[in-house]
Protein backbone atom coordinates (compact mmCIF):
# COMPACT_ATOMS: atom_id res chain seq x y z
CA MET A 1 -1.22 18.85 -20.33
CA ALA A 2 1.72 15.84 -19.29
CA PRO A 3 2.48 13.28 -20.73
CA PRO A 4 1.72 10.02 -20.28
CA PRO A 5 3.77 7.82 -18.38
CA GLU A 6 6.48 5.46 -19.86
CA LEU A 7 6.07 1.79 -19.34
CA LYS A 8 8.49 -0.10 -19.27
CA VAL A 9 8.08 -4.50 -19.29
CA TRP A 10 10.26 -6.54 -17.92
CA LEU A 11 12.42 -8.67 -19.11
CA PRO A 12 11.07 -12.23 -18.85
CA TRP A 13 13.31 -15.55 -19.94
CA SER A 14 11.79 -16.95 -22.55
CA GLU A 15 12.88 -13.81 -24.38
CA LEU A 16 16.36 -14.07 -22.91
CA ASN A 17 16.60 -17.86 -23.56
CA GLY A 18 14.80 -17.67 -26.40
CA SER A 19 12.68 -20.78 -25.58
CA PRO A 20 9.01 -21.09 -25.01
CA ARG A 21 6.97 -19.48 -22.29
CA LEU A 22 7.30 -20.48 -19.49
CA THR A 23 4.94 -22.55 -17.01
CA ILE A 24 4.21 -22.42 -13.70
CA GLU A 25 5.51 -26.33 -13.34
CA GLU A 26 8.42 -26.11 -15.27
CA PHE A 27 9.19 -22.81 -12.60
CA ARG A 28 8.32 -25.58 -9.85
CA SER A 29 10.16 -27.96 -11.02
CA ALA A 30 13.38 -25.67 -10.73
CA LEU A 31 12.81 -24.91 -7.99
CA ARG A 32 12.97 -27.99 -6.08
CA ASP A 33 16.58 -28.42 -7.12
CA TYR A 34 17.59 -26.33 -4.35
CA PRO A 35 17.02 -26.20 -0.89
CA ARG A 36 14.08 -24.10 0.72
CA SER A 37 15.91 -22.40 2.78
CA ALA A 38 18.94 -21.48 0.31
CA ILE A 39 16.18 -19.72 -2.27
CA LEU A 40 14.65 -17.97 0.83
CA ILE A 41 18.27 -16.68 1.91
CA ALA A 42 18.63 -16.00 -1.24
CA CYS A 43 15.58 -13.41 -1.36
CA ALA A 44 16.48 -11.65 1.85
CA ARG A 45 19.72 -10.53 0.06
CA PHE A 46 18.83 -9.61 -2.74
CA SER A 47 16.46 -7.67 -0.91
CA THR A 48 19.59 -5.74 0.37
CA ILE A 49 21.87 -5.96 -2.63
CA PHE A 50 18.93 -4.59 -4.95
CA ARG A 51 18.25 -2.18 -2.06
CA PHE A 52 14.72 -2.26 -1.96
CA GLY A 53 12.30 -0.78 0.14
CA PRO A 54 13.47 2.41 1.28
CA GLU A 55 12.32 5.90 -1.02
CA ALA A 56 9.68 3.78 -2.22
CA ASN A 57 12.86 1.63 -4.83
CA THR A 58 11.12 -1.44 -5.93
CA VAL A 59 13.45 -1.68 -9.28
CA ALA A 60 17.06 -2.65 -9.66
CA SER A 61 18.92 0.71 -10.80
CA GLN A 62 21.12 0.75 -13.82
CA GLU A 63 24.45 0.65 -11.58
CA ILE A 64 23.82 -2.25 -9.59
CA ASN A 65 22.12 -4.02 -13.33
CA GLU A 66 25.21 -3.59 -14.82
CA TYR A 67 27.42 -5.26 -11.98
CA TRP A 68 25.34 -7.82 -11.08
CA VAL A 69 23.57 -9.24 -14.65
CA PRO A 70 27.09 -10.49 -15.91
CA ARG A 71 27.07 -12.53 -12.40
CA LEU A 72 23.49 -13.57 -12.51
CA MET A 73 23.40 -15.15 -16.21
CA ARG A 74 24.10 -17.86 -18.00
CA PRO A 75 27.84 -16.88 -19.87
CA ASP A 76 25.83 -17.22 -22.86
CA LEU A 77 23.01 -14.69 -22.26
CA VAL A 78 25.10 -12.44 -20.85
CA GLU A 79 25.87 -10.14 -23.87
CA LYS A 80 22.36 -10.16 -24.97
CA ALA A 81 20.81 -9.53 -21.08
CA MET A 82 23.57 -6.60 -21.15
CA ARG A 83 22.54 -4.77 -24.62
CA GLU A 84 18.82 -4.93 -22.48
CA VAL A 85 20.28 -3.18 -19.63
CA LYS A 86 21.82 -0.66 -22.02
CA ASN A 87 18.38 0.04 -23.60
CA GLY A 88 16.93 0.89 -20.02
CA ARG A 89 14.83 -1.85 -19.60
CA PRO A 90 14.47 -3.19 -16.07
CA ILE A 91 16.07 -6.28 -14.87
CA PHE A 92 15.50 -6.76 -11.31
CA PHE A 93 12.57 -5.61 -9.44
CA GLN A 94 10.80 -6.38 -6.42
CA GLY A 95 8.04 -8.81 -7.74
CA GLN A 96 10.20 -11.61 -9.07
CA LEU A 97 11.83 -11.36 -5.10
CA ARG A 98 8.62 -11.77 -4.02
CA PHE A 99 6.93 -14.45 -6.44
CA LEU A 100 9.71 -16.68 -5.74
CA ALA A 101 9.95 -16.32 -2.21
CA ALA A 102 6.24 -17.27 -2.19
CA GLU A 103 6.30 -20.39 -4.30
CA ALA A 104 9.25 -21.40 -2.84
CA MET A 105 7.15 -21.27 0.40
CA ARG A 106 4.70 -22.93 -1.06
CA LEU A 107 6.73 -26.23 -2.33
CA ASP A 108 5.08 -29.39 -1.46
CA PRO A 109 7.37 -31.68 -1.32
CA ALA A 110 9.95 -29.78 -0.62
CA PRO A 111 14.08 -30.54 -1.47
CA ALA A 112 16.14 -32.14 1.49
CA GLU A 113 17.99 -29.26 3.49
CA ASN A 114 21.65 -30.60 2.68
CA GLY A 115 23.06 -27.47 2.69
CA SER A 116 23.53 -26.77 -0.68
CA GLN A 117 23.06 -23.51 -1.86
CA VAL A 118 21.96 -21.85 -5.59
CA PRO A 119 24.56 -21.38 -8.26
CA ASP A 120 24.64 -17.59 -9.13
CA TRP A 121 23.72 -18.48 -12.59
CA ALA A 122 20.37 -20.42 -11.54
CA LEU A 123 19.43 -17.24 -8.95
CA GLY A 124 19.39 -15.53 -12.11
CA ALA A 125 17.46 -17.55 -14.64
CA LEU A 126 14.73 -18.22 -11.40
CA LEU A 127 14.17 -14.70 -11.13
CA LEU A 128 13.33 -13.58 -14.36
CA GLY A 129 11.49 -16.60 -14.80
CA ALA A 130 9.40 -15.85 -11.27
CA GLY A 131 9.05 -11.93 -13.76
CA GLU A 132 7.37 -13.51 -16.63
CA LEU A 133 4.97 -15.61 -14.27
CA LEU A 134 4.00 -12.42 -12.99
CA TYR A 135 1.46 -11.89 -15.92
CA LYS A 136 -2.22 -12.73 -16.34
CA GLN A 137 -3.88 -12.17 -20.50
CA HIS A 138 -5.79 -9.38 -20.95
CA VAL A 139 -9.66 -9.73 -21.70
CA SER A 140 -10.38 -6.93 -24.59
CA ASN A 141 -13.39 -7.95 -25.88
CA LEU A 142 -15.98 -6.76 -23.29
CA ALA A 143 -18.92 -4.77 -25.22
CA ASP A 144 -20.10 -3.15 -21.70
CA GLU A 145 -17.94 -0.01 -20.79
CA LEU A 146 -18.15 0.07 -16.88
CA ASP A 147 -17.11 -3.68 -17.36
CA ALA A 148 -14.18 -3.07 -19.91
CA MET A 149 -12.99 -0.27 -16.95
CA ALA A 150 -13.34 -2.77 -14.29
CA ASN A 151 -11.12 -4.83 -16.55
CA LEU A 152 -8.64 -2.61 -16.43
CA VAL A 153 -8.50 -1.70 -13.01
CA ALA A 154 -8.47 -5.24 -11.89
CA ASP A 155 -5.71 -6.03 -14.59
CA PHE A 156 -3.34 -3.29 -13.57
CA LEU A 157 -3.96 -3.38 -9.22
CA PRO A 158 -1.83 -6.32 -8.58
CA THR A 159 0.99 -4.52 -10.97
CA PHE A 160 0.18 -1.54 -8.92
CA GLU A 161 1.01 -2.63 -5.71
CA ILE A 162 4.11 -4.96 -6.97
CA ASP A 163 5.20 -1.22 -7.53
CA SER A 164 4.10 0.94 -5.03
CA ILE A 165 5.55 4.14 -5.20
CA THR A 166 5.04 4.40 -1.19
CA ASP A 167 8.18 4.16 0.77
CA PRO A 168 7.17 1.43 3.46
CA PHE A 169 8.17 3.48 6.20
CA LEU A 170 5.39 5.47 6.26
CA LEU A 171 3.21 2.92 6.21
CA PHE A 172 4.87 1.72 10.21
CA LEU A 173 4.50 5.51 10.57
CA ARG A 174 1.18 5.97 9.70
CA PHE A 175 -0.16 2.91 11.88
CA TYR A 176 1.86 4.60 14.38
CA ILE A 177 0.59 8.08 14.46
CA TYR A 178 -3.08 6.06 14.64
CA LEU A 179 -2.32 4.39 17.67
CA ASN A 180 -0.70 7.94 19.12
CA VAL A 181 -2.47 10.38 17.83
CA ILE A 182 -5.70 10.07 16.53
CA ILE A 183 -7.13 7.75 18.65
CA PRO A 184 -6.47 9.73 22.15
CA ARG A 185 -7.91 12.80 20.14
CA LEU A 186 -11.18 11.07 18.97
CA PRO A 187 -14.58 12.09 20.67
CA GLU A 188 -15.41 9.93 23.28
CA HIS A 189 -18.32 8.24 21.63
CA LEU A 190 -16.00 7.24 19.21
CA ARG A 191 -13.22 5.25 21.43
CA VAL A 192 -15.21 2.31 22.12
CA PHE A 193 -12.59 -0.17 21.49
CA ASP A 194 -9.28 -0.34 24.01
CA VAL A 195 -6.69 -1.49 21.12
CA GLU A 196 -3.64 -1.81 23.27
CA ALA A 197 -6.22 -4.31 25.82
CA GLU A 198 -7.30 -6.13 22.47
CA PHE A 199 -4.17 -6.28 21.49
CA GLU A 200 -2.02 -7.72 24.24
CA LYS A 201 -5.01 -10.32 24.84
CA VAL A 202 -4.47 -11.91 21.46
CA PHE A 203 -0.67 -11.87 21.63
CA GLY A 204 0.41 -11.50 25.13
CA PHE A 205 3.05 -8.66 25.31
CA PRO A 206 2.12 -4.80 25.33
CA LEU A 207 1.67 -3.65 21.82
CA ARG A 208 3.39 -0.52 23.05
CA LEU A 209 6.60 -2.87 23.24
CA TYR A 210 5.28 -4.41 20.26
CA SER A 211 5.87 -0.81 18.16
CA GLN A 212 9.27 -0.28 19.31
CA PHE A 213 10.03 -3.87 17.87
CA VAL A 214 8.70 -3.41 14.51
CA TYR A 215 10.49 -0.01 14.90
CA ALA A 216 13.76 -1.61 15.75
CA PHE A 217 13.91 -3.89 12.92
CA THR A 218 13.34 -1.79 10.58
CA LEU A 219 16.36 0.54 11.28
CA HIS A 220 18.27 -2.28 11.48
CA ALA A 221 16.93 -2.89 7.39
CA MET A 222 17.75 1.10 6.46
CA THR A 223 21.26 0.71 8.34
CA GLU A 224 21.92 -2.58 5.94
CA ARG A 225 20.82 -0.74 2.99
CA ASP A 226 22.48 2.57 3.22
CA GLN A 227 25.56 0.67 4.37
CA ILE A 228 26.61 -1.71 1.75
CA LYS A 229 28.56 -1.20 -0.86
CA LEU A 230 27.93 -2.19 -4.77
CA GLY A 231 29.11 -5.78 -5.31
CA ASP A 232 28.65 -6.60 -1.26
CA VAL A 233 26.35 -9.71 -0.40
CA PRO A 234 25.25 -9.53 3.16
CA GLU A 235 24.92 -12.17 4.93
CA ALA A 236 20.86 -10.96 5.54
CA GLY A 237 20.58 -12.86 8.87
CA MET A 238 19.94 -10.77 11.67
CA PRO A 239 21.22 -12.82 14.71
CA ILE A 240 17.92 -12.93 17.77
CA SER A 241 20.64 -12.43 20.09
CA TRP A 242 21.39 -8.93 18.37
CA PHE A 243 18.02 -8.15 21.45
CA LYS A 244 20.31 -8.95 23.79
CA LYS A 245 20.80 -4.85 23.82
CA THR A 246 17.43 -4.80 25.10
CA ILE A 247 15.49 -4.99 28.38
CA LEU A 248 13.42 -7.35 26.87
CA THR A 249 13.13 -11.01 28.75
CA GLN A 250 13.97 -14.35 26.75
CA GLU A 251 9.52 -14.93 26.19
CA GLN A 252 9.13 -11.85 24.99
CA ILE A 253 12.15 -11.68 22.28
CA SER A 254 10.44 -15.51 21.87
CA ALA A 255 6.92 -14.25 21.12
CA MET A 256 7.37 -11.47 19.30
CA PHE A 257 9.22 -13.22 16.63
CA ASP A 258 6.93 -15.93 16.75
CA THR A 259 4.68 -12.71 15.20
CA VAL A 260 6.83 -11.82 12.49
CA CYS A 261 8.58 -14.60 11.20
CA CYS A 262 8.37 -18.50 9.83
CA ARG A 263 10.32 -21.17 10.57
CA LEU A 264 11.14 -24.30 7.92
CA SER A 265 8.90 -26.32 9.74
CA ASP A 266 5.53 -23.85 9.33
CA LEU A 267 6.21 -24.64 5.59
CA PRO A 268 4.61 -25.49 3.25
CA ASP A 269 2.01 -22.62 2.64
CA ARG A 270 -1.11 -24.23 2.10
CA LYS A 271 -3.67 -21.38 1.50
CA ALA A 272 -5.69 -20.96 -1.81
CA VAL A 273 -3.90 -18.48 -4.20
CA HIS A 274 -5.93 -16.31 -5.66
CA GLY A 275 -3.50 -15.25 -8.79
CA TYR A 276 0.01 -14.68 -9.49
CA ALA A 277 0.39 -11.95 -7.20
CA ASP A 278 -1.10 -13.29 -4.29
CA PHE A 279 1.34 -13.19 -1.81
CA GLU A 280 -0.95 -13.27 1.73
CA PHE A 281 1.58 -15.48 3.25
CA LEU A 282 4.33 -13.75 2.82
CA LYS A 283 2.85 -10.66 3.56
CA ASP A 284 2.60 -11.78 6.89
CA HIS A 285 5.61 -13.65 8.14
CA PRO A 286 7.90 -11.44 5.78
CA TYR A 287 11.24 -12.70 7.86
CA LEU A 288 12.33 -16.77 8.03
CA ARG A 289 13.91 -17.72 11.45
CA VAL A 290 16.75 -20.78 10.95
CA ASP A 291 18.01 -21.31 14.19
CA ASP A 292 19.74 -17.95 15.75
CA LYS A 293 19.41 -15.57 12.92
CA VAL A 294 16.02 -13.95 10.84
CA TYR A 295 16.13 -13.25 7.69
CA ASP A 296 14.20 -10.39 6.03
CA ILE A 297 12.48 -11.21 3.07
CA ASP A 298 10.54 -8.49 1.99
CA TYR A 299 11.00 -4.89 3.60
CA GLU A 300 7.99 -3.44 2.69
CA TYR A 301 5.96 -6.47 4.18
CA ALA A 302 7.97 -6.42 7.57
CA VAL A 303 7.35 -2.68 7.96
CA ALA A 304 4.21 -3.16 7.31
CA LYS A 305 3.86 -5.82 10.53
CA LEU A 306 2.56 -3.19 13.09
CA GLU A 307 -0.40 -2.79 11.15
CA SER A 308 -1.37 -5.96 10.27
CA GLY A 309 -0.94 -7.28 14.40
CA ALA A 310 -2.97 -4.67 15.31
CA LEU A 311 -5.56 -4.53 12.98
CA TRP A 312 -5.94 -7.44 11.65
CA ARG A 313 -4.67 -10.30 13.63
CA VAL A 314 -7.08 -8.41 16.59
CA ALA A 315 -9.57 -8.61 14.35
CA MET A 316 -10.25 -11.78 13.09
CA SER A 317 -9.28 -13.42 17.04
CA MET A 318 -12.97 -11.55 17.53
CA PRO A 319 -16.45 -13.04 16.77
CA ASN A 320 -18.45 -12.01 13.49
CA VAL A 321 -20.25 -8.83 14.51
CA ARG A 322 -17.87 -7.78 17.50
CA ARG A 323 -15.01 -7.63 14.23
CA LEU A 324 -17.39 -5.74 11.57
CA SER A 325 -17.27 -3.20 14.65
CA TYR A 326 -13.90 -3.25 15.37
CA PHE A 327 -13.41 -2.30 11.59
CA GLY A 328 -16.30 0.39 11.95
CA PHE A 329 -14.35 1.83 14.66
CA TRP A 330 -11.03 1.53 12.04
CA GLY A 331 -12.98 3.51 9.75
CA ASP A 332 -13.75 6.63 12.07
CA VAL A 333 -9.83 6.45 13.00
CA PHE A 334 -8.77 6.87 9.10
CA GLU A 335 -11.34 9.65 8.71
CA GLU A 336 -9.53 11.37 11.39
CA TYR A 337 -6.42 10.91 9.91
CA VAL A 338 -7.64 12.37 6.72
CA ASN A 339 -8.83 15.42 8.94
CA TRP A 340 -5.58 15.28 11.01
CA ILE A 341 -3.58 15.94 7.35
CA PHE A 342 -5.44 18.78 6.75
CA GLU A 343 -5.03 20.31 10.02
CA SER A 344 -1.24 19.80 10.21
CA TYR A 345 -0.79 20.92 6.55
CA ALA A 346 -2.82 22.90 4.74
CA ASP A 347 -2.24 26.61 4.25
CA LYS A 348 -5.26 27.90 6.17
CA ASN A 349 -5.71 31.23 4.22
CA LYS A 350 -6.65 29.04 1.02
CA ASN A 351 -7.56 25.95 2.59
CA ALA A 352 -10.71 26.20 5.01
CA HIS A 353 -10.88 22.69 6.71
CA TYR A 354 -13.87 21.50 8.00
CA PRO A 355 -14.41 17.81 9.41
CA ALA A 356 -17.80 16.45 9.00
CA PRO A 357 -19.63 19.89 8.83
CA ARG A 358 -23.63 19.62 9.25
CA TYR A 359 -26.61 21.07 7.83
CA LEU A 360 -28.31 23.52 10.25
CA ASN A 361 -31.89 22.19 10.33
CA ASP A 362 -31.90 18.91 9.34
CA LYS A 363 -33.79 16.83 12.07
CA ASP A 364 -30.97 14.64 11.85
CA ASN A 365 -28.50 16.71 12.06
CA LYS A 366 -26.52 14.61 9.59
CA ALA A 367 -23.05 15.12 8.17
CA ILE A 368 -22.68 17.05 4.65
CA CYS A 369 -19.56 15.06 4.11
CA ASP A 370 -16.77 13.36 5.96
CA VAL A 371 -14.36 16.66 5.43
CA LEU A 372 -15.36 19.48 3.48
CA VAL A 373 -12.47 21.80 2.11
CA MET A 374 -13.54 25.74 1.17
CA CYS A 375 -10.98 27.27 -1.51
CA GLY A 376 -12.40 30.69 -2.05
CA SER A 377 -15.79 30.23 -3.76
CA THR A 378 -15.11 26.08 -4.80
CA ALA A 379 -15.78 23.41 -1.94
CA VAL A 380 -14.04 20.39 -1.77
CA LEU A 381 -16.44 17.38 -1.11
CA ILE A 382 -14.41 14.04 0.70
CA GLU A 383 -15.13 11.19 1.52
CA ALA A 384 -12.88 9.45 3.13
CA LYS A 385 -13.45 4.82 2.81
CA ALA A 386 -11.34 2.52 5.00
CA ALA A 387 -12.31 -0.20 3.33
CA THR A 388 -10.04 -2.91 1.80
CA CYS A 389 -10.17 -4.88 -1.48
CA ALA A 390 -9.69 -8.97 0.22
CA ALA A 391 -6.70 -10.77 -1.70
CA SER A 392 -9.81 -13.29 -3.26
CA VAL A 393 -10.85 -9.64 -4.96
CA ARG A 394 -7.43 -7.86 -6.10
CA TYR A 395 -5.09 -10.68 -7.06
CA SER A 396 -8.10 -12.51 -9.01
CA GLY A 397 -7.88 -10.74 -12.05
CA ASP A 398 -11.63 -11.37 -12.35
CA TYR A 399 -13.38 -7.74 -13.60
CA LYS A 400 -16.96 -8.71 -12.13
CA LEU A 401 -15.65 -9.34 -8.29
CA VAL A 402 -13.63 -5.91 -8.83
CA ARG A 403 -16.65 -4.32 -10.04
CA GLU A 404 -18.82 -5.64 -7.32
CA TYR A 405 -16.19 -5.07 -4.92
CA MET A 406 -15.79 -1.26 -6.26
CA ASP A 407 -20.12 -0.78 -6.28
CA ARG A 408 -20.24 -1.96 -2.87
CA ARG A 409 -18.09 -0.20 -0.97
CA LEU A 410 -17.14 3.08 -2.70
CA VAL A 411 -20.24 3.83 -5.14
CA GLU A 412 -23.96 2.07 -4.23
CA GLY A 413 -23.62 0.61 -0.79
CA THR A 414 -25.31 -2.40 0.22
CA ASP A 415 -27.65 -1.32 3.94
CA ARG A 416 -26.97 2.40 3.38
CA PRO A 417 -25.37 4.66 0.71
CA VAL A 418 -21.58 5.00 0.20
CA GLY A 419 -18.81 6.89 -1.61
CA VAL A 420 -20.39 8.17 -5.24
CA LEU A 421 -23.70 8.01 -3.68
CA GLN A 422 -22.97 9.90 -0.62
CA LEU A 423 -21.70 12.91 -2.97
CA LEU A 424 -24.13 12.98 -4.87
CA THR A 425 -26.65 13.28 -1.39
CA ALA A 426 -24.21 16.06 -0.94
CA ILE A 427 -24.34 17.62 -3.80
CA ASP A 428 -27.96 17.70 -4.05
CA ASN A 429 -28.42 18.99 -0.78
CA ILE A 430 -26.10 21.76 -1.67
CA GLY A 431 -27.65 22.36 -4.52
CA THR A 432 -31.46 22.15 -3.54
CA MET A 433 -31.34 23.02 -0.21
CA PRO A 434 -32.62 26.44 1.15
CA ARG A 435 -29.69 28.55 1.95
CA GLU A 436 -30.55 29.14 5.44
CA SER A 437 -30.23 25.15 5.63
CA LEU A 438 -26.56 24.99 4.81
CA PRO A 439 -24.30 27.05 6.80
CA GLU A 440 -23.11 30.32 6.02
CA TRP A 441 -19.89 29.64 4.58
CA LEU A 442 -20.95 27.08 2.21
CA ARG A 443 -24.11 29.21 1.13
CA GLY A 444 -21.88 31.29 -1.78
CA VAL A 445 -20.51 28.21 -3.38
CA LYS A 446 -19.88 28.28 -6.89
CA LYS A 447 -17.89 25.12 -7.46
CA ILE A 448 -18.00 21.41 -6.25
CA ILE A 449 -14.90 19.29 -6.53
CA PRO A 450 -15.73 15.79 -5.54
CA VAL A 451 -13.06 13.73 -4.02
CA ILE A 452 -13.39 10.24 -2.43
CA ILE A 453 -9.92 8.85 -0.86
CA THR A 454 -9.22 5.36 0.18
CA LYS A 455 -7.27 3.73 2.37
CA ASP A 456 -6.49 1.07 -0.10
CA ASP A 457 -4.05 1.27 -2.65
CA ILE A 458 -7.03 0.75 -5.61
CA GLY A 459 -8.24 4.88 -5.12
CA SER A 460 -4.99 6.05 -7.26
CA SER A 461 -4.53 2.79 -9.03
CA TRP A 462 -5.08 2.65 -12.75
CA VAL A 463 -8.52 2.97 -14.10
CA THR A 464 -9.90 3.42 -10.63
CA ASN A 465 -11.00 7.01 -10.83
CA ALA A 466 -12.19 6.99 -14.67
CA TYR A 467 -14.92 4.03 -13.67
CA LEU A 468 -15.49 6.05 -10.33
CA ASN A 469 -16.12 9.09 -12.31
CA ALA A 470 -18.10 7.44 -14.95
CA ARG A 471 -20.58 6.52 -12.21
CA PHE A 472 -20.80 9.47 -10.57
CA GLN A 473 -21.56 10.90 -14.35
CA GLU A 474 -24.58 8.33 -14.86
CA LYS A 475 -26.27 9.47 -11.15
CA LEU A 476 -25.70 13.08 -11.33
CA ASN A 477 -28.53 15.55 -12.66
CA ARG A 478 -26.94 18.49 -13.69
CA LEU A 479 -29.57 20.92 -14.91
CA LYS A 480 -30.91 20.70 -11.48
CA TYR A 481 -27.30 22.55 -9.91
CA LYS A 482 -27.60 25.62 -12.88
CA LYS A 483 -25.79 27.60 -10.46
CA ILE A 484 -23.12 25.72 -9.15
CA LYS A 485 -20.31 24.11 -11.70
CA ILE A 486 -19.65 20.57 -10.61
CA THR A 487 -15.96 18.99 -11.82
CA PRO A 488 -15.77 15.37 -12.43
CA LEU A 489 -15.04 13.30 -9.80
CA VAL A 490 -11.07 12.68 -8.19
CA SER A 491 -10.29 9.57 -6.49
CA MET A 492 -6.98 8.88 -4.44
CA ASN A 493 -5.12 6.55 -2.16
CA VAL A 494 -4.27 7.97 1.40
CA ALA A 495 -0.75 7.87 0.23
CA SER A 496 -1.04 10.09 -2.87
CA LEU A 497 -2.88 12.46 -0.36
CA GLU A 498 0.10 12.21 2.06
CA ARG A 499 2.47 12.90 -1.18
CA ALA A 500 -0.02 16.29 -1.50
CA VAL A 501 1.14 18.13 1.69
CA ALA A 502 3.96 19.80 0.07
CA ALA A 503 1.54 21.38 -2.38
CA MET A 504 -1.23 21.63 0.19
CA ALA A 505 0.67 23.67 2.45
CA GLU A 506 1.63 26.51 -0.55
CA MET A 507 -1.56 26.32 -2.29
CA ALA A 508 -5.50 25.54 -2.34
CA PHE A 509 -6.51 21.71 -2.41
CA SER A 510 -9.03 22.62 -4.90
CA ASP A 511 -5.85 23.57 -7.43
CA ILE A 512 -4.20 20.05 -6.79
CA MET A 513 -7.40 18.39 -7.85
CA GLU A 514 -8.05 20.26 -10.98
CA ASP A 515 -4.47 20.26 -12.22
CA ARG A 516 -5.12 16.01 -11.66
CA ILE A 517 -8.12 16.51 -13.74
CA HIS A 518 -6.41 19.08 -16.70
CA GLU A 519 -3.40 16.68 -16.87
CA ASP A 520 -5.58 13.56 -17.49
CA PRO A 521 -9.23 14.19 -18.93
CA LYS A 522 -9.91 10.49 -18.98
CA LEU A 523 -8.93 10.14 -15.71
CA SER A 524 -7.79 6.64 -16.22
CA ARG A 525 -4.14 7.25 -14.89
CA PRO A 526 -2.72 7.23 -11.11
CA PHE A 527 -2.71 9.26 -9.57
CA GLU A 528 0.59 10.78 -9.34
CA ALA A 529 1.10 9.79 -13.21
CA ALA A 530 -1.37 12.91 -13.57
CA SER A 531 -0.82 15.18 -11.79
CA SER A 532 2.17 17.96 -12.22
CA LEU A 533 2.24 18.96 -8.54
CA VAL A 534 2.07 15.38 -6.65
CA PRO A 535 5.12 13.35 -7.63
CA ARG A 536 6.11 9.66 -6.73
CA GLY A 537 8.13 8.61 -3.94
CA THR A 538 8.96 9.74 -0.44
CA ALA A 539 6.34 12.16 0.74
CA ARG A 540 8.06 15.86 1.21
CA LYS A 541 7.73 18.38 3.72
CA MET A 542 5.99 16.13 6.23
CA HIS A 543 7.22 18.20 9.31
CA ARG A 544 4.90 16.61 11.72
CA HIS A 545 5.69 12.96 10.67
CA ILE A 546 8.99 13.74 11.65
CA GLU A 547 8.78 15.48 14.67
CA ILE A 548 6.11 12.20 15.99
CA LEU A 549 8.87 10.04 14.11
CA LYS A 550 11.66 11.45 16.56
CA GLU A 551 9.39 11.14 19.53
CA CYS A 552 8.93 7.26 18.49
CA GLY A 553 12.69 6.82 18.16
CA GLU A 554 13.06 8.93 21.95
CA GLU A 555 11.11 6.48 23.33
CA MET A 556 12.61 3.80 22.11
CA GLN A 557 15.74 4.38 23.44
CA ALA A 558 14.10 5.17 26.94
CA ASP A 559 11.61 1.49 27.09
CA PHE A 560 12.86 -0.73 24.18
CA GLY A 561 16.52 -0.26 26.75
CA MET A 562 18.64 -0.04 23.56
CA VAL A 563 22.11 0.04 24.43
CA GLU A 564 25.19 -0.36 22.67
CA GLY A 565 27.47 -2.56 21.82
């Protein structure tokens, strides 16, 4: 059995300074000493200096800490801070920059834009102060076991998102594949929306052009991080004139920048704040535009702008009934992407993959499940769930809201069964139906592994799997299925599935699922922290994804009109 993951506590300002715990009011008061633009541009520079983003990097390395701590801490605090560096304690991490940038965007009133800069020692204090405020007191006196599990999900989900183990570039590539591979291969009756037409109606320019625009931005940010040397302080601003290398018109350039940037005149952010990790405004505006330059404040949020534009911004422009249909369409797209992953990567000798298999003589010819993978005599039943946990829930820290979300979207549903109930229904049918009602390849099943794959991070986050399995076990009547072994339910998100493709190419998917169960019988850890076969970080051996990425780059050079110089 694998050892539990090592959890490290970042260094808070009050511990280093020997002062009482920092309050949000004190933090905001300190922010008002400096121009808003100076703080936001510093965040963009530190994002590059600390190399956050590529390769799922969210924490500054030991080498970077050893160089920058003496330069960013007050002289009387350097020795103490360096002791923590030597002990391997996290000092600078991505969440600090997000909190600092988000609070700077919310300041009202904000100080004058007088051209002054933030001293290095003040930036260090602000970063450690931001980290200290990424915290909510844990409630540990809940008597109900399911409430206690939901409470842990609510506590850990914001942190799991901040310390994302997914390379952000995969967010862009995944959605690009949705648009260019998955939607075109959907059955005609499921292609109920013309996404390109819907996008252009809202934004006024083609979706294909926007994809290439986001890709160009991302390449620029990646190049900056690749080229920076220890001790360099990048300018971090990308001149808008850089896009004169392309065939874009000035109007197109301006319109596209408006979808990803905010100007100082667009601030403050007056959105309601749902919790310490609620960075929704920053997520929607990951670039700051000042005169002719744009500053990439958050690499991951910037890379994700393709999805946030084509899915969320378009959806929000629709009347409610049509919007729900649009979300349903994207649910079909997500399910087909999961099928495409198995089709593209799984060893077919060990994984017989069946998309939306159906009973043979059911009067409604209903699907057994979204995806079914036969691994010898073991059936892996998969439900793919595209539902997204809203900001008002995921950042709330409220176990009641989080439990209600999981029950409604992953366990029971409202107007129809979802997730856990769908899997229970499939197991009951397989275990009790006449053999002739089942596909021939399913009749000899001896073991069933129920799996839920979510688009949302929550599927692989702390304790989610334990909660979903508890709900599964309380509703499962094992006595009805004595001839079939039924394992605990496994949950994972789509990024974990992508990281599993290297293992899927060599072994049965059932073995990957059972390894996860064996390594963490309580099912409380994140998927990768409980798997000896699926590692953290960048997914490996994704040859089809790489081929498509190459095609994307070639298209950009041809259509976007990129030129040297």
